[in-house]
């Protein structure tokens, strides 16, 4: 049997904020109580934005990158890279 745990609204807001910054949020539980939140983020390489721009110039089409994080996170990463770059959320087995 699964236990349903409600996340307080203030914590939901913080999680959304972190995801909008391009971070993946891991909620830590002890039994049925939230005891913490951990935010992790991939570092976008310095040359990534330039590579996306060069790809766009080369093929003349918008670039779609695939990510397995939630939608807010993948959109934030795409925005950091370029306005011509779109991120689509997918399942790990699709990637």
N, C-alpha and C. Protein backbone atom coordinates (compact mmCIF):
# COMPACT_ATOMS: atom_id res chain seq x y z
N UNK A 1 0.84 -1.17 0.00
CA UNK A 1 0.00 0.00 0.00
C UNK A 1 0.89 1.25 0.00
N UNK A 2 0.55 2.22 -0.87
CA UNK A 2 1.31 3.45 -0.96
C UNK A 2 0.76 4.50 0.00
N UNK A 3 1.65 5.27 0.56
CA UNK A 3 1.26 6.37 1.43
C UNK A 3 1.26 7.65 0.61
N UNK A 4 0.20 8.42 0.73
CA UNK A 4 0.11 9.70 0.04
C UNK A 4 0.56 10.79 1.01
N UNK A 5 1.53 11.56 0.58
CA UNK A 5 2.06 12.63 1.43
C UNK A 5 1.82 13.96 0.73
N UNK A 6 1.18 14.86 1.42
CA UNK A 6 0.92 16.18 0.87
C UNK A 6 2.10 17.09 1.15
N UNK A 7 2.52 17.81 0.13
CA UNK A 7 3.62 18.75 0.28
C UNK A 7 3.03 20.13 0.56
N UNK A 8 3.44 20.78 1.64
CA UNK A 8 2.91 22.10 1.98
C UNK A 8 3.08 23.09 0.83
N UNK A 9 2.13 24.03 0.69
CA UNK A 9 2.15 24.98 -0.41
C UNK A 9 3.43 25.81 -0.46
N UNK A 10 3.95 26.22 0.70
CA UNK A 10 5.17 27.03 0.68
C UNK A 10 6.36 26.22 0.14
N UNK A 11 6.39 24.93 0.43
CA UNK A 11 7.44 24.08 -0.09
C UNK A 11 7.22 23.81 -1.58
N UNK A 12 5.97 23.66 -2.00
CA UNK A 12 5.67 23.50 -3.42
C UNK A 12 6.16 24.71 -4.20
N UNK A 13 5.96 25.90 -3.63
CA UNK A 13 6.41 27.14 -4.28
C UNK A 13 7.93 27.15 -4.43
N UNK A 14 8.63 26.74 -3.38
CA UNK A 14 10.10 26.71 -3.42
C UNK A 14 10.58 25.70 -4.44
N UNK A 15 9.93 24.55 -4.51
CA UNK A 15 10.30 23.53 -5.49
C UNK A 15 10.10 24.07 -6.90
N UNK A 16 8.98 24.72 -7.16
CA UNK A 16 8.71 25.32 -8.47
C UNK A 16 9.77 26.36 -8.83
N UNK A 17 10.14 27.17 -7.85
CA UNK A 17 11.16 28.21 -8.06
C UNK A 17 12.50 27.58 -8.46
N UNK A 18 12.90 26.54 -7.74
CA UNK A 18 14.17 25.87 -8.04
C UNK A 18 14.13 25.22 -9.42
N UNK A 19 13.01 24.59 -9.76
CA UNK A 19 12.88 23.95 -11.08
C UNK A 19 12.92 25.00 -12.19
N UNK A 20 12.34 26.17 -11.95
CA UNK A 20 12.35 27.25 -12.94
C UNK A 20 13.75 27.81 -13.16
N UNK A 21 14.65 27.55 -12.21
CA UNK A 21 16.05 27.95 -12.35
C UNK A 21 16.87 26.89 -13.08
N UNK A 22 16.20 25.80 -13.50
CA UNK A 22 16.89 24.73 -14.21
C UNK A 22 17.45 23.65 -13.31
N UNK A 23 16.98 23.59 -12.07
CA UNK A 23 17.47 22.60 -11.12
C UNK A 23 16.49 21.45 -10.98
N UNK A 24 17.02 20.27 -10.72
CA UNK A 24 16.20 19.10 -10.44
C UNK A 24 16.06 18.99 -8.93
N UNK A 25 14.85 18.83 -8.46
CA UNK A 25 14.60 18.82 -7.02
C UNK A 25 14.33 17.40 -6.55
N UNK A 26 15.01 17.04 -5.48
CA UNK A 26 14.81 15.75 -4.83
C UNK A 26 14.26 16.04 -3.44
N UNK A 27 13.10 15.49 -3.13
CA UNK A 27 12.49 15.67 -1.82
C UNK A 27 12.90 14.51 -0.93
N UNK A 28 13.38 14.81 0.26
CA UNK A 28 13.88 13.79 1.18
C UNK A 28 12.84 13.53 2.27
N UNK A 29 12.50 12.26 2.45
CA UNK A 29 11.50 11.87 3.44
C UNK A 29 12.12 10.95 4.49
N UNK A 30 11.60 11.02 5.66
CA UNK A 30 11.91 10.05 6.71
C UNK A 30 10.56 9.51 7.15
N UNK A 31 10.34 8.24 6.83
CA UNK A 31 9.03 7.62 7.01
C UNK A 31 8.01 8.43 6.20
N UNK A 32 7.08 9.12 6.82
CA UNK A 32 6.09 9.86 6.04
C UNK A 32 6.19 11.37 6.26
N UNK A 33 7.39 11.84 6.61
CA UNK A 33 7.59 13.25 6.89
C UNK A 33 8.69 13.82 6.00
N UNK A 34 8.43 14.99 5.40
CA UNK A 34 9.46 15.65 4.60
C UNK A 34 10.49 16.25 5.54
N UNK A 35 11.75 15.88 5.31
CA UNK A 35 12.81 16.41 6.18
C UNK A 35 13.79 17.30 5.42
N UNK A 36 13.62 17.38 4.11
CA UNK A 36 14.53 18.25 3.36
C UNK A 36 14.27 18.22 1.87
N UNK A 37 14.90 19.17 1.21
CA UNK A 37 14.84 19.27 -0.24
C UNK A 37 16.26 19.50 -0.74
N UNK A 38 16.63 18.76 -1.76
CA UNK A 38 17.96 18.91 -2.36
C UNK A 38 17.75 19.33 -3.81
N UNK A 39 18.44 20.38 -4.23
CA UNK A 39 18.37 20.84 -5.61
C UNK A 39 19.72 20.59 -6.27
N UNK A 40 19.70 19.93 -7.41
CA UNK A 40 20.93 19.66 -8.17
C UNK A 40 20.76 20.23 -9.57
N UNK A 41 21.88 20.61 -10.16
CA UNK A 41 21.81 21.18 -11.51
C UNK A 41 23.02 20.75 -12.31
N UNK A 42 22.77 20.46 -13.57
CA UNK A 42 23.87 20.22 -14.50
C UNK A 42 24.50 21.56 -14.83
N UNK A 43 25.77 21.55 -15.02
CA UNK A 43 26.46 22.77 -15.43
C UNK A 43 26.45 22.82 -16.95
N UNK A 44 25.95 23.93 -17.47
CA UNK A 44 25.94 24.11 -18.91
C UNK A 44 27.35 24.54 -19.32
N UNK A 45 27.93 23.80 -20.21
CA UNK A 45 29.30 24.09 -20.63
C UNK A 45 29.36 25.46 -21.30
N UNK A 46 30.51 26.10 -21.16
CA UNK A 46 30.69 27.45 -21.71
C UNK A 46 30.40 27.51 -23.20
N UNK A 47 30.77 26.48 -23.94
CA UNK A 47 30.60 26.51 -25.39
C UNK A 47 29.23 26.01 -25.86
N UNK A 48 28.36 25.58 -24.95
CA UNK A 48 27.08 25.00 -25.35
C UNK A 48 26.21 26.00 -26.11
N UNK A 49 26.14 27.22 -25.62
CA UNK A 49 25.31 28.23 -26.28
C UNK A 49 25.82 28.50 -27.70
N UNK A 50 27.12 28.58 -27.86
CA UNK A 50 27.70 28.81 -29.18
C UNK A 50 27.44 27.62 -30.11
N UNK A 51 27.51 26.41 -29.57
CA UNK A 51 27.25 25.21 -30.38
C UNK A 51 25.81 25.21 -30.88
N UNK A 52 24.87 25.54 -29.99
CA UNK A 52 23.46 25.59 -30.40
C UNK A 52 23.28 26.64 -31.49
N UNK A 53 23.91 27.80 -31.33
CA UNK A 53 23.82 28.86 -32.33
C UNK A 53 24.39 28.41 -33.68
N UNK A 54 25.55 27.74 -33.64
CA UNK A 54 26.17 27.26 -34.87
C UNK A 54 25.30 26.19 -35.56
N UNK A 55 24.71 25.31 -34.77
CA UNK A 55 23.80 24.31 -35.35
C UNK A 55 22.62 24.97 -36.04
N UNK A 56 22.07 25.99 -35.36
CA UNK A 56 20.93 26.71 -35.94
C UNK A 56 21.33 27.36 -37.27
N UNK A 57 22.49 28.00 -37.29
CA UNK A 57 22.96 28.65 -38.52
C UNK A 57 23.24 27.63 -39.62
N UNK A 58 23.73 26.47 -39.23
CA UNK A 58 24.06 25.42 -40.18
C UNK A 58 22.82 24.81 -40.83
N UNK A 59 21.82 24.48 -40.01
CA UNK A 59 20.65 23.79 -40.56
C UNK A 59 19.45 24.71 -40.77
N UNK A 60 19.48 25.89 -40.14
CA UNK A 60 18.40 26.85 -40.35
C UNK A 60 17.07 26.47 -39.72
N UNK A 61 17.12 25.59 -38.76
CA UNK A 61 15.89 25.16 -38.09
C UNK A 61 16.09 25.26 -36.58
N UNK A 62 14.98 25.35 -35.86
CA UNK A 62 15.05 25.39 -34.41
C UNK A 62 15.61 24.08 -33.89
N UNK A 63 16.34 24.17 -32.81
CA UNK A 63 16.98 23.00 -32.21
C UNK A 63 16.11 22.49 -31.06
N UNK A 64 15.90 21.18 -31.04
CA UNK A 64 15.16 20.56 -29.94
C UNK A 64 16.11 19.65 -29.17
N UNK A 65 16.24 19.91 -27.90
CA UNK A 65 17.04 19.07 -27.03
C UNK A 65 16.10 18.23 -26.17
N UNK A 66 16.50 17.03 -25.86
CA UNK A 66 15.67 16.15 -25.04
C UNK A 66 16.17 16.13 -23.61
N UNK A 67 15.25 16.16 -22.66
CA UNK A 67 15.61 16.09 -21.25
C UNK A 67 14.61 15.25 -20.48
N UNK A 68 15.07 14.59 -19.45
CA UNK A 68 14.19 13.73 -18.66
C UNK A 68 13.69 14.40 -17.39
N UNK A 69 14.13 15.64 -17.14
CA UNK A 69 13.65 16.37 -15.98
C UNK A 69 12.22 16.85 -16.22
N UNK A 70 11.63 17.48 -15.22
CA UNK A 70 10.28 18.01 -15.37
C UNK A 70 10.29 19.18 -16.36
N UNK A 71 9.12 19.55 -16.81
CA UNK A 71 8.99 20.56 -17.87
C UNK A 71 9.58 21.91 -17.50
N UNK A 72 9.37 22.36 -16.25
CA UNK A 72 9.93 23.65 -15.84
C UNK A 72 11.44 23.66 -15.94
N UNK A 73 12.06 22.57 -15.54
CA UNK A 73 13.52 22.48 -15.57
C UNK A 73 14.05 22.50 -17.00
N UNK A 74 13.47 21.70 -17.87
CA UNK A 74 13.98 21.64 -19.24
C UNK A 74 13.75 22.96 -19.98
N UNK A 75 12.66 23.65 -19.69
CA UNK A 75 12.43 24.96 -20.31
C UNK A 75 13.46 25.98 -19.83
N UNK A 76 13.80 25.93 -18.56
CA UNK A 76 14.79 26.86 -18.01
C UNK A 76 16.16 26.64 -18.65
N UNK A 77 16.53 25.40 -18.86
CA UNK A 77 17.82 25.09 -19.49
C UNK A 77 17.82 25.57 -20.94
N UNK A 78 16.73 25.33 -21.66
CA UNK A 78 16.64 25.78 -23.05
C UNK A 78 16.75 27.30 -23.14
N UNK A 79 16.11 27.99 -22.23
CA UNK A 79 16.15 29.46 -22.21
C UNK A 79 17.57 29.96 -21.98
N UNK A 80 18.33 29.26 -21.15
CA UNK A 80 19.72 29.66 -20.89
C UNK A 80 20.59 29.46 -22.14
N UNK A 81 20.22 28.49 -22.96
CA UNK A 81 21.03 28.20 -24.13
C UNK A 81 20.76 29.16 -25.29
N UNK A 82 19.48 29.32 -25.66
CA UNK A 82 19.19 30.17 -26.81
C UNK A 82 17.69 30.24 -27.03
N UNK A 83 17.23 31.34 -27.60
CA UNK A 83 15.81 31.48 -27.92
C UNK A 83 15.37 30.57 -29.05
N UNK A 84 16.32 30.09 -29.84
CA UNK A 84 15.99 29.20 -30.95
C UNK A 84 16.09 27.73 -30.53
N UNK A 85 16.32 27.52 -29.26
CA UNK A 85 16.50 26.17 -28.73
C UNK A 85 15.29 25.79 -27.89
N UNK A 86 14.76 24.63 -28.15
CA UNK A 86 13.61 24.15 -27.39
C UNK A 86 13.98 22.84 -26.73
N UNK A 87 13.44 22.66 -25.59
CA UNK A 87 13.69 21.45 -24.83
C UNK A 87 12.39 20.68 -24.74
N UNK A 88 12.44 19.41 -25.02
CA UNK A 88 11.25 18.57 -24.89
C UNK A 88 11.52 17.53 -23.82
N UNK A 89 10.57 17.42 -22.93
CA UNK A 89 10.69 16.42 -21.88
C UNK A 89 10.39 15.05 -22.48
N UNK A 90 11.18 14.07 -22.11
CA UNK A 90 10.95 12.72 -22.60
C UNK A 90 11.24 11.74 -21.47
N UNK A 91 10.89 10.52 -21.70
CA UNK A 91 11.23 9.46 -20.74
C UNK A 91 12.63 8.97 -21.04
N UNK A 92 13.32 8.50 -20.03
CA UNK A 92 14.70 8.08 -20.17
C UNK A 92 14.87 7.07 -21.30
N UNK A 93 13.95 6.15 -21.48
CA UNK A 93 14.10 5.14 -22.53
C UNK A 93 13.92 5.73 -23.93
N UNK A 94 13.36 6.94 -24.04
CA UNK A 94 13.24 7.61 -25.33
C UNK A 94 14.53 8.34 -25.71
N UNK A 95 15.32 8.70 -24.73
CA UNK A 95 16.48 9.57 -24.93
C UNK A 95 17.61 8.90 -25.64
